[in-house]
Amino acid sequence: MSMAGSREHSYVVDSQGIRLDRYVAANCPELSRTQAQKLISDGLVRVNGAVGRASLKLNIGDRVTVAVLPSIASHPEPEAIPFGILYEDDDVLVIDKPAGLPVHPAPGHPDHTLVNAILAYLSFTPDTGDPMRPGIVHRLDMNTSGVMLVAKNRTAQTDLVEQFKSHNVTKVYLVLVKGRLAPEQGIIEAPIGRDTYNRKRMAVSAEGQGRPARTRYRVVRYIDNCTLIEVMPETGRTHQIRVHLAAIGHPVVGDATYGVKSAYLSRQFLHSHRLGFRLPSTGQYVEFESALPSDLEQALRDIG
């Protein structure tokens, strides 16, 4: 599936066994291998009509189609966009992200992002190795609000990324789902991969496909025919919470992508409530919380 503004290149493979990411980088000289892998993970590369994986070994005669999106500025510009600050030191910035703000520039939203806001607030670009995502060590969906962590230098970035990779970061979300979820505590474990039919969606994959994903939850209270829960994702797959909850028949209220729109909300009821990690400077464990924003509080009152 191509996107508006993209241009497609199509190739017929003439050698056996080359990895898809290597093939795309070799045949699209404007792309690095990392950029090729990003296109593949975004579902913009198809092999014989199906979304491919970076590690896929190609066969002679395979048709590879690459949708190359229009380029965006290589260095985001500072923009004075308000956001909350929960904590700051020389290494980290803990922010309270508002809903509706994309984290970093990408096709479709090349500016007016959290990265632009951070650059304006700091008055310098964090030296973390990626000019498009300076300081970004994890992300929240555009319409997800709450606590988010930003590194201010490369040493802190390396430390924080390792904490996320080794699952040493506490992540607690407040989520309202449709239906009365039972049992009151549970674990959802199912691999997640790119949806074969819609590159903008993720989906629970068949065994051996996708990447392992594990989500714990605890019921806070039942509200009419909905359930407010705390969700503790143990892995960090794209759209993990939304995909897992939809897969068990309890989609997030207001999530039009994996469930249905809500009369009470203009976005999904998904809020990063608490984040805990070790400060890179001292190793001290700290936790920060963000209260439910007013639109989510109002939705609870209206539903209840």
C-alpha atoms as a PDB file:
ATOM      1  CA  MET A   1       0.000   0.000   0.000  1.00  0.00           C
ATOM      2  CA  SER A   2       1.515   3.315  -1.042  1.00  0.00           C
ATOM      3  CA  MET A   3       0.970   6.622   0.730  1.00  0.00           C
ATOM      4  CA  ALA A   4       0.074   9.986  -0.726  1.00  0.00           C
ATOM      5  CA  GLY A   5       3.202  11.832  -1.785  1.00  0.00           C
ATOM      6  CA  SER A   6       5.326   8.691  -1.954  1.00  0.00           C
ATOM      7  CA  ARG A   7       7.004   7.333  -5.041  1.00  0.00           C
ATOM      8  CA  GLU A   8       7.262   3.623  -5.695  1.00  0.00           C
ATOM      9  CA  HIS A   9      10.211   1.696  -7.053  1.00  0.00           C
ATOM     10  CA  SER A  10       9.791  -1.900  -8.187  1.00  0.00           C
ATOM     11  CA  TYR A  11      12.587  -4.452  -8.671  1.00  0.00           C
ATOM     12  CA  VAL A  12      12.848  -8.096  -9.752  1.00  0.00           C
ATOM     13  CA  VAL A  13      15.438 -10.001  -7.706  1.00  0.00           C
ATOM     14  CA  ASP A  14      18.205 -11.597  -9.771  1.00  0.00           C
ATOM     15  CA  SER A  15      20.273 -13.223  -7.012  1.00  0.00           C
ATOM     16  CA  GLN A  16      19.456 -15.823  -4.375  1.00  0.00           C
ATOM     17  CA  GLY A  17      19.477 -15.492  -0.585  1.00  0.00           C
ATOM     18  CA  ILE A  18      20.164 -11.779  -0.011  1.00  0.00           C
ATOM     19  CA  ARG A  19      18.449 -10.191   2.999  1.00  0.00           C
ATOM     20  CA  LEU A  20      15.647  -7.790   2.179  1.00  0.00           C
ATOM     21  CA  ASP A  21      17.198  -4.830   4.034  1.00  0.00           C
ATOM     22  CA  ARG A  22      20.518  -5.286   2.226  1.00  0.00           C
ATOM     23  CA  TYR A  23      18.729  -5.561  -1.112  1.00  0.00           C
ATOM     24  CA  VAL A  24      16.710  -2.372  -0.575  1.00  0.00           C
ATOM     25  CA  ALA A  25      19.759  -0.372   0.548  1.00  0.00           C
ATOM     26  CA  ALA A  26      21.767  -1.631  -2.454  1.00  0.00           C
ATOM     27  CA  ASN A  27      19.050  -0.770  -4.979  1.00  0.00           C
ATOM     28  CA  CYS A  28      17.986   2.571  -3.482  1.00  0.00           C
ATOM     29  CA  PRO A  29      21.275   4.485  -3.248  1.00  0.00           C
ATOM     30  CA  GLU A  30      19.602   7.420  -1.480  1.00  0.00           C
ATOM     31  CA  LEU A  31      18.871   5.103   1.487  1.00  0.00           C
ATOM     32  CA  SER A  32      21.272   3.873   4.142  1.00  0.00           C
ATOM     33  CA  ARG A  33      20.736   0.355   5.477  1.00  0.00           C
ATOM     34  CA  THR A  34      19.256   1.851   8.659  1.00  0.00           C
ATOM     35  CA  GLN A  35      16.813   3.907   6.582  1.00  0.00           C
ATOM     36  CA  ALA A  36      15.964   0.805   4.559  1.00  0.00           C
ATOM     37  CA  GLN A  37      15.229  -1.105   7.775  1.00  0.00           C
ATOM     38  CA  LYS A  38      12.976   1.753   8.956  1.00  0.00           C
ATOM     39  CA  LEU A  39      11.005   1.654   5.691  1.00  0.00           C
ATOM     40  CA  ILE A  40      10.615  -2.103   6.065  1.00  0.00           C
ATOM     41  CA  SER A  41       9.464  -1.864   9.707  1.00  0.00           C
ATOM     42  CA  ASP A  42       6.931   0.781   8.641  1.00  0.00           C
ATOM     43  CA  GLY A  43       5.442  -1.646   6.135  1.00  0.00           C
ATOM     44  CA  LEU A  44       6.555   0.356   3.087  1.00  0.00           C
ATOM     45  CA  VAL A  45       8.438  -2.512   1.456  1.00  0.00           C
ATOM     46  CA  ARG A  46       6.535  -5.405  -0.109  1.00  0.00           C
ATOM     47  CA  VAL A  47       7.763  -8.702  -1.512  1.00  0.00           C
ATOM     48  CA  ASN A  48       5.409 -10.253  -4.057  1.00  0.00           C
ATOM     49  CA  GLY A  49       2.649  -8.015  -2.689  1.00  0.00           C
ATOM     50  CA  ALA A  50       3.101  -8.871   0.999  1.00  0.00           C
ATOM     51  CA  VAL A  51       4.778  -6.751   3.686  1.00  0.00           C
ATOM     52  CA  GLY A  52       8.333  -8.022   4.155  1.00  0.00           C
ATOM     53  CA  ARG A  53      10.641  -8.404   7.158  1.00  0.00           C
ATOM     54  CA  ALA A  54      14.181  -7.004   7.184  1.00  0.00           C
ATOM     55  CA  SER A  55      15.682 -10.476   7.650  1.00  0.00           C
ATOM     56  CA  LEU A  56      13.677 -12.103   4.843  1.00  0.00           C
ATOM     57  CA  LYS A  57      15.914 -14.015   2.422  1.00  0.00           C
ATOM     58  CA  LEU A  58      14.938 -13.235  -1.162  1.00  0.00           C
ATOM     59  CA  ASN A  59      14.630 -15.666  -4.048  1.00  0.00           C
ATOM     60  CA  ILE A  60      15.393 -15.120  -7.721  1.00  0.00           C
ATOM     61  CA  GLY A  61      12.289 -13.707  -9.413  1.00  0.00           C
ATOM     62  CA  ASP A  62      10.820 -12.100  -6.281  1.00  0.00           C
ATOM     63  CA  ARG A  63       9.308  -8.658  -6.929  1.00  0.00           C
ATOM     64  CA  VAL A  64      10.288  -6.031  -4.361  1.00  0.00           C
ATOM     65  CA  THR A  65       8.267  -2.805  -4.226  1.00  0.00           C
ATOM     66  CA  VAL A  66       9.580   0.136  -2.210  1.00  0.00           C
ATOM     67  CA  ALA A  67       7.454   3.184  -1.380  1.00  0.00           C
ATOM     68  CA  VAL A  68       9.918   5.977  -0.631  1.00  0.00           C
ATOM     69  CA  LEU A  69       8.261   8.805   1.265  1.00  0.00           C
ATOM     70  CA  PRO A  70       9.073  12.477   0.741  1.00  0.00           C
ATOM     71  CA  SER A  71      12.030  13.616   2.789  1.00  0.00           C
ATOM     72  CA  ILE A  72      11.620  15.822   5.835  1.00  0.00           C
ATOM     73  CA  ALA A  73      14.072  18.322   7.253  1.00  0.00           C
ATOM     74  CA  SER A  74      17.217  16.593   8.494  1.00  0.00           C
ATOM     75  CA  HIS A  75      17.467  18.847  11.557  1.00  0.00           C
ATOM     76  CA  PRO A  76      14.235  19.832  13.354  1.00  0.00           C
ATOM     77  CA  GLU A  77      13.800  23.502  14.255  1.00  0.00           C
ATOM     78  CA  PRO A  78      12.999  24.734  17.774  1.00  0.00           C
ATOM     79  CA  GLU A  79       9.325  25.604  18.317  1.00  0.00           C
ATOM     80  CA  ALA A  80       7.778  27.127  21.429  1.00  0.00           C
ATOM     81  CA  ILE A  81       5.213  24.421  22.218  1.00  0.00           C
ATOM     82  CA  PRO A  82       4.103  24.090  25.864  1.00  0.00           C
ATOM     83  CA  PHE A  83       4.568  20.867  27.818  1.00  0.00           C
ATOM     84  CA  GLY A  84       4.776  20.004  31.513  1.00  0.00           C
ATOM     85  CA  ILE A  85       8.073  19.378  33.311  1.00  0.00           C
ATOM     86  CA  LEU A  86       8.055  16.903  36.209  1.00  0.00           C
ATOM     87  CA  TYR A  87      11.827  16.768  36.854  1.00  0.00           C
ATOM     88  CA  GLU A  88      15.081  17.980  35.351  1.00  0.00           C
ATOM     89  CA  ASP A  89      18.794  17.589  36.033  1.00  0.00           C
ATOM     90  CA  ASP A  90      21.943  17.721  33.879  1.00  0.00           C
ATOM     91  CA  ASP A  91      21.168  14.314  32.329  1.00  0.00           C
ATOM     92  CA  VAL A  92      17.418  13.879  32.029  1.00  0.00           C
ATOM     93  CA  LEU A  93      14.184  15.726  31.440  1.00  0.00           C
ATOM     94  CA  VAL A  94      10.988  14.074  32.705  1.00  0.00           C
ATOM     95  CA  ILE A  95       8.035  15.607  30.927  1.00  0.00           C
ATOM     96  CA  ASP A  96       4.254  15.435  31.056  1.00  0.00           C
ATOM     97  CA  LYS A  97       3.355  15.020  27.381  1.00  0.00           C
ATOM     98  CA  PRO A  98       0.025  16.455  26.260  1.00  0.00           C
ATOM     99  CA  ALA A  99      -2.209  14.384  24.004  1.00  0.00           C
ATOM    100  CA  GLY A 100      -2.169  15.279  20.309  1.00  0.00           C
ATOM    101  CA  LEU A 101       1.576  15.998  20.190  1.00  0.00           C
ATOM    102  CA  PRO A 102       3.681  13.637  18.025  1.00  0.00           C
ATOM    103  CA  VAL A 103       6.997  12.703  19.624  1.00  0.00           C
ATOM    104  CA  HIS A 104       9.318  13.260  16.649  1.00  0.00           C
ATOM    105  CA  PRO A 105       9.135  14.470  13.035  1.00  0.00           C
ATOM    106  CA  ALA A 106       7.955  11.939  10.475  1.00  0.00           C
ATOM    107  CA  PRO A 107       6.108  11.983   7.161  1.00  0.00           C
ATOM    108  CA  GLY A 108       2.673  13.414   7.843  1.00  0.00           C
ATOM    109  CA  HIS A 109       3.882  15.613  10.724  1.00  0.00           C
ATOM    110  CA  PRO A 110       7.307  17.062   9.807  1.00  0.00           C
ATOM    111  CA  ASP A 111       7.179  19.686  12.568  1.00  0.00           C
ATOM    112  CA  HIS A 112       5.101  20.768  15.604  1.00  0.00           C
ATOM    113  CA  THR A 113       6.396  17.752  17.547  1.00  0.00           C
ATOM    114  CA  LEU A 114       7.746  17.133  21.028  1.00  0.00           C
ATOM    115  CA  VAL A 115      11.287  17.176  19.603  1.00  0.00           C
ATOM    116  CA  ASN A 116      10.702  20.710  18.281  1.00  0.00           C
ATOM    117  CA  ALA A 117       9.359  21.710  21.706  1.00  0.00           C
ATOM    118  CA  ILE A 118      12.321  20.177  23.561  1.00  0.00           C
ATOM    119  CA  LEU A 119      14.827  21.972  21.320  1.00  0.00           C
ATOM    120  CA  ALA A 120      13.152  25.300  22.095  1.00  0.00           C
ATOM    121  CA  TYR A 121      13.057  24.607  25.842  1.00  0.00           C
ATOM    122  CA  LEU A 122      16.681  23.461  26.128  1.00  0.00           C
ATOM    123  CA  SER A 123      18.137  26.022  23.681  1.00  0.00           C
ATOM    124  CA  PHE A 124      20.561  23.324  22.531  1.00  0.00           C
ATOM    125  CA  THR A 125      20.391  20.009  20.684  1.00  0.00           C
ATOM    126  CA  PRO A 126      21.134  17.011  22.927  1.00  0.00           C
ATOM    127  CA  ASP A 127      24.205  15.209  21.580  1.00  0.00           C
ATOM    128  CA  THR A 128      22.648  11.751  21.432  1.00  0.00           C
ATOM    129  CA  GLY A 129      23.622  10.656  17.922  1.00  0.00           C
ATOM    130  CA  ASP A 130      20.318  11.063  16.063  1.00  0.00           C
ATOM    131  CA  PRO A 131      19.431  14.618  14.950  1.00  0.00           C
ATOM    132  CA  MET A 132      15.871  13.571  14.120  1.00  0.00           C
ATOM    133  CA  ARG A 133      15.215  12.127  17.602  1.00  0.00           C
ATOM    134  CA  PRO A 134      17.547  14.036  19.927  1.00  0.00           C
ATOM    135  CA  GLY A 135      17.234  12.656  23.445  1.00  0.00           C
ATOM    136  CA  ILE A 136      14.326  10.336  22.664  1.00  0.00           C
ATOM    137  CA  VAL A 137      14.785   7.005  24.487  1.00  0.00           C
ATOM    138  CA  HIS A 138      11.175   5.775  24.237  1.00  0.00           C
ATOM    139  CA  ARG A 139       7.973   7.128  22.746  1.00  0.00           C
ATOM    140  CA  LEU A 140       4.277   7.562  23.348  1.00  0.00           C
ATOM    141  CA  ASP A 141       1.645   7.532  20.607  1.00  0.00           C
ATOM    142  CA  MET A 142       0.595  10.996  19.439  1.00  0.00           C
ATOM    143  CA  ASN A 143      -2.750  10.771  21.263  1.00  0.00           C
ATOM    144  CA  THR A 144      -1.337   9.224  24.437  1.00  0.00           C
ATOM    145  CA  SER A 145      -0.621  11.608  27.303  1.00  0.00           C
ATOM    146  CA  GLY A 146       1.557  11.391  30.390  1.00  0.00           C
ATOM    147  CA  VAL A 147       5.042  10.789  31.742  1.00  0.00           C
ATOM    148  CA  MET A 148       7.876  10.554  29.239  1.00  0.00           C
ATOM    149  CA  LEU A 149      11.646  10.525  29.641  1.00  0.00           C
ATOM    150  CA  VAL A 150      14.211  12.462  27.553  1.00  0.00           C
ATOM    151  CA  ALA A 151      18.023  12.223  27.697  1.00  0.00           C
ATOM    152  CA  LYS A 152      20.090  15.423  27.544  1.00  0.00           C
ATOM    153  CA  ASN A 153      23.419  13.859  26.543  1.00  0.00           C
ATOM    154  CA  ARG A 154      24.792  10.699  24.952  1.00  0.00           C
ATOM    155  CA  THR A 155      25.984   9.096  28.209  1.00  0.00           C
ATOM    156  CA  ALA A 156      22.520   9.440  29.736  1.00  0.00           C
ATOM    157  CA  GLN A 157      20.902   8.187  26.526  1.00  0.00           C
ATOM    158  CA  THR A 158      23.030   5.029  26.524  1.00  0.00           C
ATOM    159  CA  ASP A 159      22.241   4.380  30.187  1.00  0.00           C
ATOM    160  CA  LEU A 160      18.492   4.899  29.798  1.00  0.00           C
ATOM    161  CA  VAL A 161      18.193   2.857  26.611  1.00  0.00           C
ATOM    162  CA  GLU A 162      19.894  -0.030  28.410  1.00  0.00           C
ATOM    163  CA  GLN A 163      17.434   0.277  31.321  1.00  0.00           C
ATOM    164  CA  PHE A 164      14.525   0.001  28.883  1.00  0.00           C
ATOM    165  CA  LYS A 165      16.111  -2.922  27.028  1.00  0.00           C
ATOM    166  CA  SER A 166      16.755  -4.855  30.240  1.00  0.00           C
ATOM    167  CA  HIS A 167      13.166  -4.194  31.458  1.00  0.00           C
ATOM    168  CA  ASN A 168      14.374  -2.271  34.510  1.00  0.00           C
ATOM    169  CA  VAL A 169      11.993   0.644  33.939  1.00  0.00           C
ATOM    170  CA  THR A 170       8.619   0.736  35.720  1.00  0.00           C
ATOM    171  CA  LYS A 171       5.835   1.697  33.313  1.00  0.00           C
ATOM    172  CA  VAL A 172       2.259   2.054  34.538  1.00  0.00           C
ATOM    173  CA  TYR A 173      -0.579   3.275  32.319  1.00  0.00           C
ATOM    174  CA  LEU A 174      -4.150   4.124  33.225  1.00  0.00           C
ATOM    175  CA  VAL A 175      -6.476   2.726  30.577  1.00  0.00           C
ATOM    176  CA  LEU A 176     -10.240   2.563  30.193  1.00  0.00           C
ATOM    177  CA  VAL A 177     -11.465  -0.440  28.196  1.00  0.00           C
ATOM    178  CA  LYS A 178     -14.859  -1.473  26.905  1.00  0.00           C
ATOM    179  CA  GLY A 179     -16.662  -4.211  28.836  1.00  0.00           C
ATOM    180  CA  ARG A 180     -16.150  -5.658  32.298  1.00  0.00           C
ATOM    181  CA  LEU A 181     -12.669  -7.149  32.204  1.00  0.00           C
ATOM    182  CA  ALA A 182     -12.151 -10.396  34.133  1.00  0.00           C
ATOM    183  CA  PRO A 183     -10.209 -11.776  35.884  1.00  0.00           C
ATOM    184  CA  GLU A 184      -9.224  -8.684  37.853  1.00  0.00           C
ATOM    185  CA  GLN A 185      -5.513  -9.365  37.324  1.00  0.00           C
ATOM    186  CA  GLY A 186      -3.894 -11.018  34.369  1.00  0.00           C
ATOM    187  CA  ILE A 187      -1.134 -11.266  31.798  1.00  0.00           C
ATOM    188  CA  ILE A 188      -1.597 -10.995  28.035  1.00  0.00           C
ATOM    189  CA  GLU A 189       1.216 -12.679  26.143  1.00  0.00           C
ATOM    190  CA  ALA A 190       1.099 -12.720  22.331  1.00  0.00           C
ATOM    191  CA  PRO A 191       3.606 -11.723  19.620  1.00  0.00           C
ATOM    192  CA  ILE A 192       2.985  -8.464  17.759  1.00  0.00           C
ATOM    193  CA  GLY A 193       3.925  -7.598  14.184  1.00  0.00           C
ATOM    194  CA  ARG A 194       2.954  -5.244  11.389  1.00  0.00           C
ATOM    195  CA  ASP A 195      -0.561  -5.890  10.061  1.00  0.00           C
ATOM    196  CA  THR A 196      -0.215  -7.523   6.648  1.00  0.00           C
ATOM    197  CA  TYR A 197      -3.161  -5.629   5.204  1.00  0.00           C
ATOM    198  CA  ASN A 198      -2.722  -2.183   6.762  1.00  0.00           C
ATOM    199  CA  ARG A 199       0.787  -0.849   7.389  1.00  0.00           C
ATOM    200  CA  LYS A 200      -0.542   1.735   9.877  1.00  0.00           C
ATOM    201  CA  ARG A 201      -1.764  -1.013  12.200  1.00  0.00           C
ATOM    202  CA  MET A 202      -0.052  -3.628  14.308  1.00  0.00           C
ATOM    203  CA  ALA A 203      -1.611  -7.017  15.010  1.00  0.00           C
ATOM    204  CA  VAL A 204      -1.211 -10.130  17.132  1.00  0.00           C
ATOM    205  CA  SER A 205       0.841 -12.470  14.949  1.00  0.00           C
ATOM    206  CA  ALA A 206       0.842 -16.210  14.475  1.00  0.00           C
ATOM    207  CA  GLU A 207       3.343 -18.267  16.463  1.00  0.00           C
ATOM    208  CA  GLY A 208       6.827 -17.699  15.080  1.00  0.00           C
ATOM    209  CA  GLN A 209       5.820 -14.368  13.518  1.00  0.00           C
ATOM    210  CA  GLY A 210       6.097 -10.910  15.033  1.00  0.00           C
ATOM    211  CA  ARG A 211       8.059 -10.032  18.179  1.00  0.00           C
ATOM    212  CA  PRO A 212       7.361 -11.350  21.699  1.00  0.00           C
ATOM    213  CA  ALA A 213       5.111  -9.060  23.749  1.00  0.00           C
ATOM    214  CA  ARG A 214       3.861  -9.319  27.317  1.00  0.00           C
ATOM    215  CA  THR A 215       1.399  -7.051  29.150  1.00  0.00           C
ATOM    216  CA  ARG A 216       0.235  -7.224  32.782  1.00  0.00           C
ATOM    217  CA  TYR A 217      -2.934  -5.518  33.989  1.00  0.00           C
ATOM    218  CA  ARG A 218      -4.889  -4.907  37.200  1.00  0.00           C
ATOM    219  CA  VAL A 219      -8.494  -3.739  37.470  1.00  0.00           C
ATOM    220  CA  VAL A 220      -8.881  -0.435  39.351  1.00  0.00           C
ATOM    221  CA  ARG A 221     -12.686  -0.244  39.162  1.00  0.00           C
ATOM    222  CA  TYR A 222     -15.673  -0.969  36.964  1.00  0.00           C
ATOM    223  CA  ILE A 223     -17.534   2.027  35.524  1.00  0.00           C
ATOM    224  CA  ASP A 224     -20.846   1.207  33.849  1.00  0.00           C
ATOM    225  CA  ASN A 225     -19.945  -1.218  31.031  1.00  0.00           C
ATOM    226  CA  CYS A 226     -16.281  -0.191  31.066  1.00  0.00           C
ATOM    227  CA  THR A 227     -13.259  -1.067  33.194  1.00  0.00           C
ATOM    228  CA  LEU A 228     -10.522   1.277  34.408  1.00  0.00           C
ATOM    229  CA  ILE A 229      -7.270  -0.654  34.650  1.00  0.00           C
ATOM    230  CA  GLU A 230      -3.602  -0.186  35.412  1.00  0.00           C
ATOM    231  CA  VAL A 231      -1.489  -1.650  32.628  1.00  0.00           C
ATOM    232  CA  MET A 232       2.172  -2.598  33.053  1.00  0.00           C
ATOM    233  CA  PRO A 233       3.734  -3.488  29.682  1.00  0.00           C
ATOM    234  CA  GLU A 234       6.815  -5.662  30.169  1.00  0.00           C
ATOM    235  CA  THR A 235       7.929  -5.190  26.565  1.00  0.00           C
ATOM    236  CA  GLY A 236       7.737  -2.103  24.379  1.00  0.00           C
ATOM    237  CA  ARG A 237       6.201  -3.026  21.040  1.00  0.00           C
ATOM    238  CA  THR A 238       4.469  -0.434  18.884  1.00  0.00           C
ATOM    239  CA  HIS A 239       0.815  -0.004  19.984  1.00  0.00           C
ATOM    240  CA  GLN A 240       1.319  -2.966  22.361  1.00  0.00           C
ATOM    241  CA  ILE A 241      -1.306  -2.038  24.964  1.00  0.00           C
ATOM    242  CA  ARG A 242      -3.942  -1.180  22.372  1.00  0.00           C
ATOM    243  CA  VAL A 243      -3.315  -4.327  20.305  1.00  0.00           C
ATOM    244  CA  HIS A 244      -3.249  -6.718  23.285  1.00  0.00           C
ATOM    245  CA  LEU A 245      -6.425  -5.341  24.879  1.00  0.00           C
ATOM    246  CA  ALA A 246      -8.284  -5.399  21.561  1.00  0.00           C
ATOM    247  CA  ALA A 247      -7.132  -8.977  21.020  1.00  0.00           C
ATOM    248  CA  ILE A 248      -8.850 -10.146  24.229  1.00  0.00           C
ATOM    249  CA  GLY A 249     -12.083  -8.373  23.309  1.00  0.00           C
ATOM    250  CA  HIS A 250     -11.650  -5.267  25.494  1.00  0.00           C
ATOM    251  CA  PRO A 251     -10.427  -2.454  23.213  1.00  0.00           C
ATOM    252  CA  VAL A 252      -9.371   0.882  24.658  1.00  0.00           C
ATOM    253  CA  VAL A 253     -12.289   3.317  24.841  1.00  0.00           C
ATOM    254  CA  GLY A 254     -12.008   5.888  22.052  1.00  0.00           C
ATOM    255  CA  ASP A 255      -9.460   3.895  20.032  1.00  0.00           C
ATOM    256  CA  ALA A 256     -10.769   4.149  16.473  1.00  0.00           C
ATOM    257  CA  THR A 257      -7.832   2.127  15.081  1.00  0.00           C
ATOM    258  CA  TYR A 258      -8.264  -1.043  17.148  1.00  0.00           C
ATOM    259  CA  GLY A 259     -11.778  -0.580  18.519  1.00  0.00           C
ATOM    260  CA  VAL A 260     -14.416   2.085  18.002  1.00  0.00           C
ATOM    261  CA  LYS A 261     -14.732   5.813  18.529  1.00  0.00           C
ATOM    262  CA  SER A 262     -16.333   7.062  21.731  1.00  0.00           C
ATOM    263  CA  ALA A 263     -19.053   9.676  22.221  1.00  0.00           C
ATOM    264  CA  TYR A 264     -17.175  10.790  25.351  1.00  0.00           C
ATOM    265  CA  LEU A 265     -13.654  11.219  23.967  1.00  0.00           C
ATOM    266  CA  SER A 266     -11.877  12.480  20.860  1.00  0.00           C
ATOM    267  CA  ARG A 267      -8.897  10.141  21.505  1.00  0.00           C
ATOM    268  CA  GLN A 268      -8.082   6.808  23.102  1.00  0.00           C
ATOM    269  CA  PHE A 269      -8.247   6.638  26.911  1.00  0.00           C
ATOM    270  CA  LEU A 270      -4.557   5.815  27.403  1.00  0.00           C
ATOM    271  CA  HIS A 271      -2.374   7.722  29.860  1.00  0.00           C
ATOM    272  CA  SER A 272       1.222   7.140  30.966  1.00  0.00           C
ATOM    273  CA  HIS A 273       0.570   7.479  34.687  1.00  0.00           C
ATOM    274  CA  ARG A 274       3.842   6.451  36.340  1.00  0.00           C
ATOM    275  CA  LEU A 275       7.434   5.963  35.195  1.00  0.00           C
ATOM    276  CA  GLY A 276      10.287   4.684  37.358  1.00  0.00           C
ATOM    277  CA  PHE A 277      13.974   4.418  36.462  1.00  0.00           C
ATOM    278  CA  ARG A 278      17.490   4.928  37.850  1.00  0.00           C
ATOM    279  CA  LEU A 279      19.053   8.354  37.461  1.00  0.00           C
ATOM    280  CA  PRO A 280      22.100   8.024  35.173  1.00  0.00           C
ATOM    281  CA  SER A 281      24.140  10.364  37.397  1.00  0.00           C
ATOM    282  CA  THR A 282      23.713   8.540  40.734  1.00  0.00           C
ATOM    283  CA  GLY A 283      21.966   5.221  40.067  1.00  0.00           C
ATOM    284  CA  GLN A 284      19.195   6.268  42.492  1.00  0.00           C
ATOM    285  CA  TYR A 285      15.775   4.787  41.643  1.00  0.00           C
ATOM    286  CA  VAL A 286      13.095   7.450  41.195  1.00  0.00           C
ATOM    287  CA  GLU A 287       9.439   7.452  40.125  1.00  0.00           C
ATOM    288  CA  PHE A 288       7.325  10.216  38.625  1.00  0.00           C
ATOM    289  CA  GLU A 289       3.552  10.418  38.202  1.00  0.00           C
ATOM    290  CA  SER A 290       1.178  12.328  35.966  1.00  0.00           C
ATOM    291  CA  ALA A 291      -2.432  12.808  37.037  1.00  0.00           C
ATOM    292  CA  LEU A 292      -5.209  12.052  34.575  1.00  0.00           C
ATOM    293  CA  PRO A 293      -5.708  15.066  32.294  1.00  0.00           C
ATOM    294  CA  SER A 294      -9.036  16.884  32.325  1.00  0.00           C
ATOM    295  CA  ASP A 295     -10.476  15.250  29.189  1.00  0.00           C
ATOM    296  CA  LEU A 296     -10.001  11.759  30.620  1.00  0.00           C
ATOM    297  CA  GLU A 297     -11.368  12.771  34.028  1.00  0.00           C
ATOM    298  CA  GLN A 298     -14.424  14.264  32.326  1.00  0.00           C
ATOM    299  CA  ALA A 299     -14.941  11.053  30.317  1.00  0.00           C
ATOM    300  CA  LEU A 300     -14.981   9.012  33.552  1.00  0.00           C
ATOM    301  CA  ARG A 301     -17.606  11.340  35.020  1.00  0.00           C
ATOM    302  CA  ASP A 302     -19.740  11.222  31.865  1.00  0.00           C
ATOM    303  CA  ILE A 303     -19.562   7.429  31.557  1.00  0.00           C
ATOM    304  CA  GLY A 304     -20.110   6.836  35.263  1.00  0.00           C
END
